Protein backbone atom coordinates (compact mmCIF):
# COMPACT_ATOMS: atom_id res chain seq x y z
CA MET A 1 0.00 0.00 0.00
CA THR A 2 1.06 3.53 -0.60
CA PRO A 3 1.43 5.90 2.38
CA ALA A 4 -1.65 7.79 1.21
CA GLU A 5 -3.73 4.59 1.22
CA VAL A 6 -2.48 3.66 4.71
CA ALA A 7 -3.44 7.12 5.97
CA ASN A 8 -6.86 6.88 4.31
CA ARG A 9 -7.57 3.47 5.84
CA MET A 10 -6.49 4.66 9.28
CA LEU A 11 -8.76 7.69 8.98
CA ARG A 12 -11.72 5.53 7.92
CA ALA A 13 -11.11 3.13 10.83
CA LEU A 14 -11.00 6.03 13.30
CA GLN A 15 -14.17 7.53 11.83
CA ALA A 16 -15.97 4.17 12.09
CA ARG A 17 -14.97 3.78 15.74
CA ALA A 18 -15.99 7.35 16.55
CA GLU A 19 -19.32 6.85 14.80
CA ARG A 20 -19.94 3.60 16.65
CA SER A 21 -19.17 5.15 20.03
CA GLY A 22 -21.46 8.13 19.33
CA LEU A 23 -18.72 10.77 19.16
CA LEU A 24 -19.75 11.89 15.68
CA ALA A 25 -23.08 13.68 15.32
CA VAL A 26 -25.79 11.66 13.63
CA ARG A 27 -27.77 13.58 11.04
CA SER A 28 -31.49 13.53 11.58
CA VAL A 29 -33.76 12.42 8.78
CA PRO A 30 -36.37 15.05 7.85
CA GLU A 31 -40.02 14.13 8.17
CA PRO A 32 -41.65 13.23 4.84
CA ASP A 33 -43.96 15.77 3.24
CA LEU A 34 -46.83 13.53 2.15
CA GLY A 35 -48.84 16.46 0.82
CA VAL A 36 -46.59 16.84 -2.20
CA SER A 37 -47.40 14.77 -5.26
CA SER A 38 -44.97 14.24 -8.08
CA ASN A 39 -45.06 13.07 -11.64
CA PRO A 40 -44.47 9.35 -12.11
CA TRP A 41 -40.89 8.63 -13.15
CA HIS A 42 -41.87 5.71 -15.33
CA ARG A 43 -44.52 5.01 -17.91
CA CYS A 44 -46.25 1.66 -18.25
CA ASP A 45 -46.16 0.25 -21.74
CA PRO A 46 -49.63 -1.19 -22.45
CA GLY A 47 -48.01 -4.03 -24.42
CA VAL A 48 -46.09 -5.34 -21.38
CA GLN A 49 -47.74 -8.24 -19.60
CA PRO A 50 -47.50 -7.95 -15.78
CA GLN A 51 -47.77 -11.70 -15.03
CA PRO A 52 -44.02 -12.55 -15.30
CA TYR A 53 -43.14 -9.64 -13.02
CA ILE A 54 -45.80 -10.57 -10.50
CA ALA A 55 -44.57 -14.18 -10.50
CA ALA A 56 -40.96 -13.02 -9.93
CA ALA A 57 -42.04 -10.76 -7.08
CA GLU A 58 -44.03 -13.59 -5.47
CA ARG A 59 -40.99 -15.88 -5.71
CA ILE A 60 -38.82 -13.29 -3.96
CA ARG A 61 -41.54 -12.72 -1.34
CA SER A 62 -41.56 -16.46 -0.63
CA GLY A 63 -37.82 -16.29 0.18
CA LEU A 64 -36.22 -17.46 -3.09
CA LEU A 65 -33.74 -15.27 -4.92
CA ASP A 66 -31.38 -15.71 -7.87
CA MET A 67 -27.91 -14.27 -7.26
CA PHE A 68 -25.04 -14.67 -9.71
CA ALA A 69 -24.83 -18.41 -10.56
CA LEU A 70 -26.84 -19.40 -7.48
CA ARG A 71 -30.47 -20.04 -8.50
CA GLY A 72 -33.30 -20.33 -5.99
CA ALA A 73 -31.18 -19.29 -3.02
CA GLN A 74 -33.13 -19.56 0.23
CA ILE A 75 -32.94 -16.14 1.86
CA GLY A 76 -35.94 -16.73 4.06
CA SER A 77 -39.12 -14.81 4.64
CA PRO A 78 -38.45 -12.46 6.31
CA PRO A 79 -34.95 -12.46 4.83
CA ARG A 80 -31.94 -13.33 7.00
CA TRP A 81 -29.77 -10.54 5.64
CA ASN A 82 -26.65 -11.61 7.53
CA ARG A 83 -26.68 -15.23 6.21
CA ASP A 84 -24.62 -16.13 3.14
CA PRO A 85 -26.98 -18.37 1.12
CA LYS A 86 -24.06 -19.95 -0.73
CA SER A 87 -22.15 -21.23 2.32
CA GLY A 88 -24.76 -20.91 5.09
CA ILE A 89 -22.37 -18.82 7.22
CA GLU A 90 -24.06 -16.14 9.30
CA ALA A 91 -22.11 -12.93 9.71
CA PRO A 92 -22.10 -11.60 13.27
CA LEU A 93 -24.54 -8.80 13.98
CA LEU A 94 -21.88 -6.19 14.71
CA PHE A 95 -21.37 -2.60 13.67
CA GLY A 96 -20.96 -3.06 9.91
CA LYS A 97 -18.09 -0.68 9.29
CA LEU A 98 -15.92 -2.58 11.78
CA LEU A 99 -16.77 -6.04 10.39
CA ASP A 100 -13.89 -7.75 8.55
CA THR A 101 -15.65 -8.47 5.25
CA GLY A 102 -12.52 -10.07 3.82
CA ASP A 103 -12.65 -12.94 6.33
CA SER A 104 -14.73 -15.59 4.53
CA ASP A 105 -14.73 -17.83 7.62
CA LEU A 106 -16.49 -15.03 9.50
CA VAL A 107 -18.94 -13.68 6.89
CA GLY A 108 -18.94 -16.20 4.04
CA ASP A 109 -18.77 -14.81 0.52
CA ILE A 110 -19.55 -11.14 1.17
CA LYS A 111 -20.84 -10.50 -2.37
CA TYR A 112 -23.79 -12.81 -1.62
CA LEU A 113 -24.67 -10.67 1.40
CA TRP A 114 -24.30 -7.39 -0.46
CA GLU A 115 -26.08 -8.41 -3.68
CA PRO A 116 -29.68 -8.36 -2.37
């Protein structure tokens, strides 16, 4: 690693620890303004049949998901977001920025956790 990358990683690690301990201010989320209506950002093509999309949504709702080469992965319903469906390894429920995502014995294959 270059010295700049080492410094950047150290800064990110310090920021994560400060955030976890509550030293950094947390930004508040503004309340939604439900009185405002907007234009739809998509248009429905009358020639598109909704049945395949409804079937795909129902499959996902039942806990099955296709990710990369893994077809019909059981993610559960409700989903177990910390479980790698490929290996079955459950990542610990820790502060995410401090979790060692490169340790496959700890988290499994992290891309299968991040993909959904």
